[in-house]
């Protein structure tokens, strides 16, 4: 997930070089996009360029997912959640010793002045299996306090 946007960009660069070497010029994106939006342009543009369209869509969603994962996983709020899970005996009784946390972390972080709220959905991988977890946190005076963590 982390390397897929990089690999896709490298593939696009090589495709552009191949296009230039075989046709003698780079693709004319400006005139093509202009023709797509003009009244005399071809309305079947998407069907002609369906592979390029889906490549752009996949690249966009991979980048968005990467930004979301890196933002939440490296936040102070999620670090507080991990410390809480490592120290909470009820959670450790269900999961066993925690090996690591899943790659995908979703949720929300809301900040307002000196306080904030955070909700996370993530996976805990322990010795007794994989568990989906939800956590709720509040920030007071610069430190995150875990309200609760529920396992499913």
N, C-alpha and C. Protein backbone atom coordinates (compact mmCIF):
# COMPACT_ATOMS: atom_id res chain seq x y z
N UNK A 1 0.82 -1.19 0.00
CA UNK A 1 0.00 0.00 0.00
C UNK A 1 0.86 1.26 0.00
N UNK A 2 1.97 1.20 0.68
CA UNK A 2 2.85 2.36 0.73
C UNK A 2 3.60 2.53 -0.58
N UNK A 3 3.99 1.44 -1.20
CA UNK A 3 4.79 1.54 -2.42
C UNK A 3 3.96 1.59 -3.70
N UNK A 4 2.67 1.27 -3.64
CA UNK A 4 1.88 1.21 -4.87
C UNK A 4 1.78 2.56 -5.58
N UNK A 5 1.59 3.72 -4.90
CA UNK A 5 1.60 4.97 -5.65
C UNK A 5 2.94 5.25 -6.32
N UNK A 6 4.02 4.92 -5.64
CA UNK A 6 5.36 5.13 -6.21
C UNK A 6 5.57 4.25 -7.44
N UNK A 7 5.18 3.00 -7.36
CA UNK A 7 5.32 2.09 -8.51
C UNK A 7 4.46 2.57 -9.67
N UNK A 8 3.25 3.05 -9.38
CA UNK A 8 2.37 3.54 -10.44
C UNK A 8 2.96 4.77 -11.11
N UNK A 9 3.51 5.69 -10.34
CA UNK A 9 4.12 6.90 -10.92
C UNK A 9 5.32 6.52 -11.78
N UNK A 10 6.13 5.59 -11.31
CA UNK A 10 7.27 5.13 -12.11
C UNK A 10 6.77 4.51 -13.42
N UNK A 11 5.69 3.71 -13.33
CA UNK A 11 5.12 3.12 -14.54
C UNK A 11 4.62 4.18 -15.51
N UNK A 12 3.98 5.24 -15.00
CA UNK A 12 3.51 6.32 -15.86
C UNK A 12 4.67 7.06 -16.53
N UNK A 13 5.76 7.25 -15.80
CA UNK A 13 6.94 7.90 -16.39
C UNK A 13 7.50 7.06 -17.53
N UNK A 14 7.63 5.75 -17.30
CA UNK A 14 8.10 4.88 -18.36
C UNK A 14 7.14 4.86 -19.54
N UNK A 15 5.83 4.90 -19.29
CA UNK A 15 4.85 4.95 -20.37
C UNK A 15 5.01 6.22 -21.19
N UNK A 16 5.21 7.37 -20.51
CA UNK A 16 5.42 8.63 -21.23
C UNK A 16 6.67 8.57 -22.10
N UNK A 17 7.75 7.98 -21.58
CA UNK A 17 8.98 7.84 -22.37
C UNK A 17 8.73 6.94 -23.58
N UNK A 18 8.03 5.84 -23.39
CA UNK A 18 7.73 4.93 -24.49
C UNK A 18 6.86 5.63 -25.53
N UNK A 19 5.89 6.38 -25.08
CA UNK A 19 5.00 7.11 -25.99
C UNK A 19 5.81 8.08 -26.83
N UNK A 20 6.73 8.81 -26.20
CA UNK A 20 7.58 9.78 -26.91
C UNK A 20 8.49 9.09 -27.91
N UNK A 21 9.07 7.97 -27.52
CA UNK A 21 9.99 7.25 -28.41
C UNK A 21 9.28 6.66 -29.62
N UNK A 22 8.05 6.18 -29.44
CA UNK A 22 7.36 5.54 -30.56
C UNK A 22 6.63 6.52 -31.46
N UNK A 23 6.16 7.65 -30.92
CA UNK A 23 5.38 8.58 -31.73
C UNK A 23 6.10 9.90 -32.01
N UNK A 24 7.16 10.17 -31.27
CA UNK A 24 7.92 11.39 -31.51
C UNK A 24 7.44 12.60 -30.73
N UNK A 25 6.40 12.46 -29.96
CA UNK A 25 5.88 13.58 -29.14
C UNK A 25 5.18 12.99 -27.92
N UNK A 26 5.04 13.86 -26.91
CA UNK A 26 4.31 13.45 -25.70
C UNK A 26 2.81 13.55 -25.95
N UNK A 27 2.00 12.85 -25.16
CA UNK A 27 0.55 12.95 -25.34
C UNK A 27 0.08 14.40 -25.18
N UNK A 28 -0.90 14.78 -25.95
CA UNK A 28 -1.42 16.15 -25.91
C UNK A 28 -2.62 16.19 -24.97
N UNK A 29 -2.32 16.28 -23.69
CA UNK A 29 -3.38 16.27 -22.68
C UNK A 29 -4.25 17.51 -22.76
N UNK A 30 -3.64 18.66 -22.99
CA UNK A 30 -4.39 19.93 -23.01
C UNK A 30 -5.44 19.96 -24.09
N UNK A 31 -5.05 19.61 -25.33
CA UNK A 31 -6.03 19.65 -26.42
C UNK A 31 -7.09 18.56 -26.25
N UNK A 32 -6.71 17.44 -25.71
CA UNK A 32 -7.68 16.36 -25.50
C UNK A 32 -8.70 16.74 -24.44
N UNK A 33 -8.24 17.33 -23.35
CA UNK A 33 -9.17 17.75 -22.29
C UNK A 33 -10.05 18.89 -22.80
N UNK A 34 -9.48 19.80 -23.58
CA UNK A 34 -10.29 20.88 -24.16
C UNK A 34 -11.35 20.35 -25.09
N UNK A 35 -11.01 19.35 -25.92
CA UNK A 35 -11.99 18.76 -26.83
C UNK A 35 -13.08 18.02 -26.07
N UNK A 36 -12.72 17.47 -24.93
CA UNK A 36 -13.71 16.74 -24.14
C UNK A 36 -14.80 17.66 -23.63
N UNK A 37 -14.44 18.89 -23.28
CA UNK A 37 -15.40 19.82 -22.70
C UNK A 37 -16.05 20.75 -23.73
N UNK A 38 -15.59 20.73 -24.96
CA UNK A 38 -16.21 21.60 -25.97
C UNK A 38 -17.46 20.93 -26.54
N UNK A 39 -18.33 21.72 -27.12
CA UNK A 39 -19.58 21.18 -27.68
C UNK A 39 -19.32 20.35 -28.93
N UNK A 40 -18.26 20.63 -29.63
CA UNK A 40 -17.96 19.87 -30.84
C UNK A 40 -17.06 18.68 -30.56
N UNK A 41 -16.63 18.54 -29.31
CA UNK A 41 -15.73 17.43 -28.95
C UNK A 41 -16.43 16.09 -29.00
N UNK A 42 -15.64 15.07 -28.96
CA UNK A 42 -16.20 13.73 -29.01
C UNK A 42 -16.69 13.35 -27.62
N UNK A 43 -17.92 12.83 -27.55
CA UNK A 43 -18.50 12.46 -26.26
C UNK A 43 -18.09 11.06 -25.82
N UNK A 44 -17.43 10.33 -26.67
CA UNK A 44 -16.98 8.99 -26.30
C UNK A 44 -15.51 9.00 -25.85
N UNK A 45 -15.06 10.13 -25.35
CA UNK A 45 -13.67 10.28 -24.90
C UNK A 45 -13.33 9.25 -23.83
N UNK A 46 -14.21 9.09 -22.84
CA UNK A 46 -13.93 8.16 -21.74
C UNK A 46 -13.80 6.73 -22.27
N UNK A 47 -14.63 6.35 -23.23
CA UNK A 47 -14.56 4.99 -23.77
C UNK A 47 -13.28 4.76 -24.55
N UNK A 48 -12.82 5.77 -25.25
CA UNK A 48 -11.58 5.64 -26.01
C UNK A 48 -10.38 5.55 -25.06
N UNK A 49 -10.44 6.29 -23.97
CA UNK A 49 -9.31 6.36 -23.03
C UNK A 49 -9.67 5.73 -21.69
N UNK A 50 -10.38 4.62 -21.72
CA UNK A 50 -10.86 3.99 -20.48
C UNK A 50 -9.72 3.52 -19.58
N UNK A 51 -8.64 2.99 -20.15
CA UNK A 51 -7.53 2.51 -19.32
C UNK A 51 -6.82 3.66 -18.62
N UNK A 52 -6.63 4.76 -19.34
CA UNK A 52 -6.00 5.93 -18.73
C UNK A 52 -6.89 6.50 -17.63
N UNK A 53 -8.21 6.51 -17.89
CA UNK A 53 -9.15 7.02 -16.89
C UNK A 53 -9.09 6.21 -15.61
N UNK A 54 -9.12 4.88 -15.71
CA UNK A 54 -9.09 4.05 -14.51
C UNK A 54 -7.73 4.07 -13.85
N UNK A 55 -6.66 4.24 -14.62
CA UNK A 55 -5.34 4.40 -14.01
C UNK A 55 -5.31 5.65 -13.14
N UNK A 56 -5.86 6.75 -13.66
CA UNK A 56 -5.93 7.97 -12.87
C UNK A 56 -6.78 7.76 -11.62
N UNK A 57 -7.92 7.11 -11.75
CA UNK A 57 -8.79 6.87 -10.59
C UNK A 57 -8.09 6.04 -9.53
N UNK A 58 -7.42 4.96 -9.95
CA UNK A 58 -6.71 4.12 -8.98
C UNK A 58 -5.58 4.87 -8.31
N UNK A 59 -4.83 5.64 -9.08
CA UNK A 59 -3.75 6.42 -8.50
C UNK A 59 -4.27 7.42 -7.48
N UNK A 60 -5.38 8.07 -7.81
CA UNK A 60 -5.98 9.03 -6.88
C UNK A 60 -6.39 8.35 -5.58
N UNK A 61 -7.08 7.21 -5.65
CA UNK A 61 -7.55 6.54 -4.43
C UNK A 61 -6.40 5.92 -3.65
N UNK A 62 -5.36 5.43 -4.33
CA UNK A 62 -4.20 4.91 -3.60
C UNK A 62 -3.52 6.03 -2.83
N UNK A 63 -3.37 7.18 -3.46
CA UNK A 63 -2.76 8.32 -2.77
C UNK A 63 -3.60 8.80 -1.60
N UNK A 64 -4.91 8.85 -1.79
CA UNK A 64 -5.80 9.26 -0.70
C UNK A 64 -5.75 8.29 0.47
N UNK A 65 -5.74 6.99 0.18
CA UNK A 65 -5.65 5.99 1.24
C UNK A 65 -4.31 6.08 1.96
N UNK A 66 -3.24 6.30 1.23
CA UNK A 66 -1.92 6.43 1.84
C UNK A 66 -1.88 7.64 2.78
N UNK A 67 -2.41 8.76 2.34
CA UNK A 67 -2.43 9.95 3.19
C UNK A 67 -3.23 9.70 4.45
N UNK A 68 -4.40 9.06 4.30
CA UNK A 68 -5.24 8.78 5.47
C UNK A 68 -4.53 7.87 6.46
N UNK A 69 -3.94 6.79 5.97
CA UNK A 69 -3.27 5.84 6.85
C UNK A 69 -2.09 6.49 7.56
N UNK A 70 -1.26 7.22 6.81
CA UNK A 70 -0.10 7.85 7.43
C UNK A 70 -0.50 8.93 8.43
N UNK A 71 -1.57 9.66 8.14
CA UNK A 71 -2.01 10.71 9.04
C UNK A 71 -2.49 10.13 10.37
N UNK A 72 -3.36 9.14 10.32
CA UNK A 72 -3.91 8.58 11.55
C UNK A 72 -2.90 7.73 12.30
N UNK A 73 -2.16 6.91 11.58
CA UNK A 73 -1.25 5.98 12.24
C UNK A 73 -0.10 6.69 12.96
N UNK A 74 0.30 7.86 12.47
CA UNK A 74 1.40 8.59 13.09
C UNK A 74 0.94 9.70 14.02
N UNK A 75 -0.33 9.73 14.37
CA UNK A 75 -0.84 10.80 15.22
C UNK A 75 -0.58 10.49 16.70
N UNK A 76 -0.53 11.53 17.49
CA UNK A 76 -0.37 11.37 18.94
C UNK A 76 -1.56 10.65 19.55
N UNK A 77 -2.74 10.86 18.98
CA UNK A 77 -3.94 10.21 19.50
C UNK A 77 -3.86 8.70 19.33
N UNK A 78 -3.39 8.24 18.18
CA UNK A 78 -3.29 6.79 17.97
C UNK A 78 -2.17 6.20 18.83
N UNK A 79 -1.11 6.94 19.05
CA UNK A 79 -0.04 6.47 19.95
C UNK A 79 -0.60 6.29 21.37
N UNK A 80 -1.45 7.20 21.81
CA UNK A 80 -2.08 7.07 23.13
C UNK A 80 -2.99 5.84 23.17
N UNK A 81 -3.68 5.57 22.07
CA UNK A 81 -4.53 4.39 21.99
C UNK A 81 -3.70 3.12 22.09
N UNK A 82 -2.56 3.08 21.40
CA UNK A 82 -1.70 1.90 21.46
C UNK A 82 -1.15 1.68 22.88
N UNK A 83 -0.73 2.76 23.54
CA UNK A 83 -0.24 2.62 24.92
C UNK A 83 -1.34 2.09 25.83
N UNK A 84 -2.57 2.59 25.62
CA UNK A 84 -3.71 2.15 26.43
C UNK A 84 -3.96 0.65 26.22
N UNK A 85 -3.94 0.21 24.96
CA UNK A 85 -4.20 -1.20 24.67
C UNK A 85 -3.10 -2.10 25.25
N UNK A 86 -1.86 -1.64 25.22
CA UNK A 86 -0.75 -2.44 25.76
C UNK A 86 -0.83 -2.57 27.28
N UNK A 87 -1.47 -1.59 27.95
CA UNK A 87 -1.52 -1.60 29.41
C UNK A 87 -2.84 -2.12 29.97
N UNK A 88 -3.90 -2.20 29.17
CA UNK A 88 -5.22 -2.59 29.66
C UNK A 88 -5.31 -4.11 29.76
N UNK A 89 -5.54 -4.61 30.98
CA UNK A 89 -5.57 -6.06 31.20
C UNK A 89 -6.79 -6.73 30.57
N UNK A 90 -7.91 -6.04 30.49
CA UNK A 90 -9.11 -6.62 29.86
C UNK A 90 -8.86 -6.88 28.37
N UNK A 91 -8.25 -5.93 27.71
CA UNK A 91 -7.94 -6.10 26.29
C UNK A 91 -6.91 -7.21 26.10
N UNK A 92 -5.88 -7.22 26.93
CA UNK A 92 -4.84 -8.23 26.81
C UNK A 92 -5.36 -9.63 27.12
N UNK A 93 -6.39 -9.72 28.01
CA UNK A 93 -6.98 -11.03 28.30
C UNK A 93 -7.70 -11.59 27.07
N UNK A 94 -8.31 -10.72 26.26
CA UNK A 94 -9.01 -11.18 25.06
C UNK A 94 -8.05 -11.45 23.90
N UNK A 95 -7.05 -10.58 23.72
CA UNK A 95 -6.17 -10.68 22.55
C UNK A 95 -4.91 -11.49 22.80
N UNK A 96 -4.53 -11.63 24.05
CA UNK A 96 -3.21 -12.16 24.35
C UNK A 96 -2.21 -11.04 24.13
N UNK A 97 -0.93 -11.30 24.27
CA UNK A 97 0.06 -10.25 24.01
C UNK A 97 -0.11 -9.72 22.59
N UNK A 98 -0.11 -8.40 22.47
CA UNK A 98 -0.33 -7.77 21.16
C UNK A 98 0.96 -7.83 20.36
N UNK A 99 0.86 -8.42 19.16
CA UNK A 99 2.03 -8.50 18.27
C UNK A 99 2.22 -7.19 17.52
N UNK A 100 1.15 -6.71 16.89
CA UNK A 100 1.21 -5.45 16.16
C UNK A 100 -0.20 -5.00 15.83
N UNK A 101 -0.29 -3.82 15.23
CA UNK A 101 -1.58 -3.24 14.85
C UNK A 101 -1.68 -3.27 13.33
N UNK A 102 -2.89 -3.43 12.81
CA UNK A 102 -3.11 -3.52 11.37
C UNK A 102 -2.66 -2.28 10.63
N UNK A 103 -2.48 -2.44 9.32
CA UNK A 103 -1.99 -1.35 8.48
C UNK A 103 -3.05 -0.26 8.33
N UNK A 104 -4.29 -0.65 8.14
CA UNK A 104 -5.36 0.33 7.90
C UNK A 104 -5.91 0.87 9.21
N UNK A 105 -5.82 2.17 9.35
CA UNK A 105 -6.39 2.87 10.50
C UNK A 105 -7.30 3.95 9.95
N UNK A 106 -8.56 3.90 10.33
CA UNK A 106 -9.52 4.90 9.86
C UNK A 106 -10.13 5.62 11.03
N UNK A 107 -10.79 6.71 10.74
CA UNK A 107 -11.46 7.43 11.80
C UNK A 107 -11.49 8.91 11.56
N UNK A 108 -11.52 9.64 12.66
CA UNK A 108 -11.56 11.10 12.57
C UNK A 108 -10.85 11.71 13.77
N UNK A 109 -10.27 12.87 13.52
CA UNK A 109 -9.66 13.67 14.58
C UNK A 109 -10.20 15.08 14.42
N UNK A 110 -10.78 15.61 15.50
CA UNK A 110 -11.35 16.96 15.48
C UNK A 110 -10.64 17.79 16.53
N UNK A 111 -10.12 18.93 16.11
CA UNK A 111 -9.41 19.82 17.04
C UNK A 111 -10.15 21.15 17.11
N UNK A 112 -10.23 21.69 18.29
CA UNK A 112 -10.86 23.00 18.45
C UNK A 112 -10.27 23.71 19.67
N UNK A 113 -9.38 24.65 19.43
CA UNK A 113 -8.76 25.38 20.54
C UNK A 113 -7.85 24.47 21.35
N UNK A 114 -8.13 24.37 22.64
CA UNK A 114 -7.31 23.56 23.54
C UNK A 114 -7.84 22.14 23.73
N UNK A 115 -8.92 21.78 23.05
CA UNK A 115 -9.48 20.44 23.22
C UNK A 115 -9.69 19.79 21.86
N UNK A 116 -9.92 18.50 21.89
CA UNK A 116 -10.16 17.78 20.65
C UNK A 116 -10.78 16.42 20.92
N UNK A 117 -11.27 15.80 19.87
CA UNK A 117 -11.86 14.46 19.94
C UNK A 117 -11.25 13.61 18.84
N UNK A 118 -11.18 12.32 19.09
CA UNK A 118 -10.69 11.39 18.07
C UNK A 118 -11.46 10.08 18.18
N UNK A 119 -11.78 9.51 17.04
CA UNK A 119 -12.39 8.19 16.94
C UNK A 119 -11.58 7.39 15.94
N UNK A 120 -11.20 6.17 16.31
CA UNK A 120 -10.40 5.33 15.42
C UNK A 120 -11.04 3.95 15.27
N UNK A 121 -10.88 3.38 14.10
CA UNK A 121 -11.19 1.98 13.83
C UNK A 121 -9.90 1.35 13.34
N UNK A 122 -9.51 0.26 13.96
CA UNK A 122 -8.24 -0.38 13.60
C UNK A 122 -8.30 -1.85 13.97
N UNK A 123 -7.26 -2.58 13.61
CA UNK A 123 -7.17 -4.01 13.89
C UNK A 123 -6.02 -4.26 14.84
N UNK A 124 -6.30 -5.09 15.84
CA UNK A 124 -5.25 -5.54 16.77
C UNK A 124 -4.94 -6.98 16.43
N UNK A 125 -3.66 -7.27 16.21
CA UNK A 125 -3.24 -8.64 15.94
C UNK A 125 -2.52 -9.12 17.20
N UNK A 126 -3.15 -10.08 17.86
CA UNK A 126 -2.60 -10.63 19.10
C UNK A 126 -2.35 -12.12 18.94
N UNK A 127 -1.89 -12.74 20.02
CA UNK A 127 -1.61 -14.18 19.97
C UNK A 127 -2.88 -15.00 19.84
N UNK A 128 -4.03 -14.47 20.29
CA UNK A 128 -5.29 -15.21 20.23
C UNK A 128 -6.08 -14.91 18.97
N UNK A 129 -5.54 -14.12 18.05
CA UNK A 129 -6.24 -13.85 16.80
C UNK A 129 -6.26 -12.36 16.45
N UNK A 130 -7.08 -12.03 15.45
CA UNK A 130 -7.24 -10.66 15.00
C UNK A 130 -8.54 -10.10 15.54
N UNK A 131 -8.51 -8.86 16.00
CA UNK A 131 -9.68 -8.23 16.60
C UNK A 131 -9.86 -6.84 16.02
N UNK A 132 -11.08 -6.53 15.60
CA UNK A 132 -11.40 -5.16 15.19
C UNK A 132 -11.65 -4.35 16.44
N UNK A 133 -11.11 -3.15 16.47
CA UNK A 133 -11.25 -2.31 17.65
C UNK A 133 -11.70 -0.91 17.25
N UNK A 134 -12.43 -0.29 18.14
CA UNK A 134 -12.84 1.11 18.01
C UNK A 134 -12.41 1.82 19.27
N UNK A 135 -11.89 3.02 19.12
CA UNK A 135 -11.48 3.79 20.29
C UNK A 135 -12.02 5.21 20.20
N UNK A 136 -12.28 5.78 21.36
CA UNK A 136 -12.71 7.17 21.47
C UNK A 136 -11.77 7.87 22.44
N UNK A 137 -11.29 9.05 22.02
CA UNK A 137 -10.34 9.80 22.83
C UNK A 137 -10.78 11.25 22.91
N UNK A 138 -10.33 11.92 23.96
CA UNK A 138 -10.50 13.37 24.06
C UNK A 138 -9.13 13.96 24.42
N UNK A 139 -8.91 15.18 23.95
CA UNK A 139 -7.66 15.87 24.26
C UNK A 139 -7.96 16.98 25.25
N UNK A 140 -7.19 17.00 26.31
CA UNK A 140 -7.31 18.06 27.30
C UNK A 140 -5.91 18.52 27.68
N UNK A 141 -5.70 19.81 27.53
CA UNK A 141 -4.42 20.43 27.89
C UNK A 141 -3.24 19.77 27.18
N UNK A 142 -3.42 19.41 25.94
CA UNK A 142 -2.32 18.90 25.14
C UNK A 142 -2.05 17.42 25.24
N UNK A 143 -2.79 16.67 26.04
CA UNK A 143 -2.57 15.22 26.12
C UNK A 143 -3.87 14.49 25.81
N UNK A 144 -3.74 13.36 25.14
CA UNK A 144 -4.90 12.57 24.74
C UNK A 144 -5.26 11.58 25.84
N UNK A 145 -6.55 11.54 26.18
CA UNK A 145 -7.07 10.63 27.18
C UNK A 145 -8.02 9.66 26.49
N UNK A 146 -7.82 8.37 26.69
CA UNK A 146 -8.67 7.36 26.07
C UNK A 146 -9.93 7.21 26.91
N UNK A 147 -11.08 7.41 26.28
CA UNK A 147 -12.36 7.21 26.98
C UNK A 147 -12.70 5.72 27.01
N UNK A 148 -12.64 5.08 25.86
CA UNK A 148 -12.88 3.63 25.83
C UNK A 148 -12.34 3.03 24.55
N UNK A 149 -12.07 1.73 24.63
CA UNK A 149 -11.68 0.93 23.47
C UNK A 149 -12.57 -0.30 23.50
N UNK A 150 -13.28 -0.55 22.41
CA UNK A 150 -14.14 -1.73 22.34
C UNK A 150 -13.62 -2.66 21.27
N UNK A 151 -13.66 -3.96 21.58
CA UNK A 151 -13.23 -4.98 20.63
C UNK A 151 -14.46 -5.68 20.07
N UNK A 152 -14.37 -6.04 18.80
CA UNK A 152 -15.47 -6.80 18.16
C UNK A 152 -14.92 -8.11 17.66
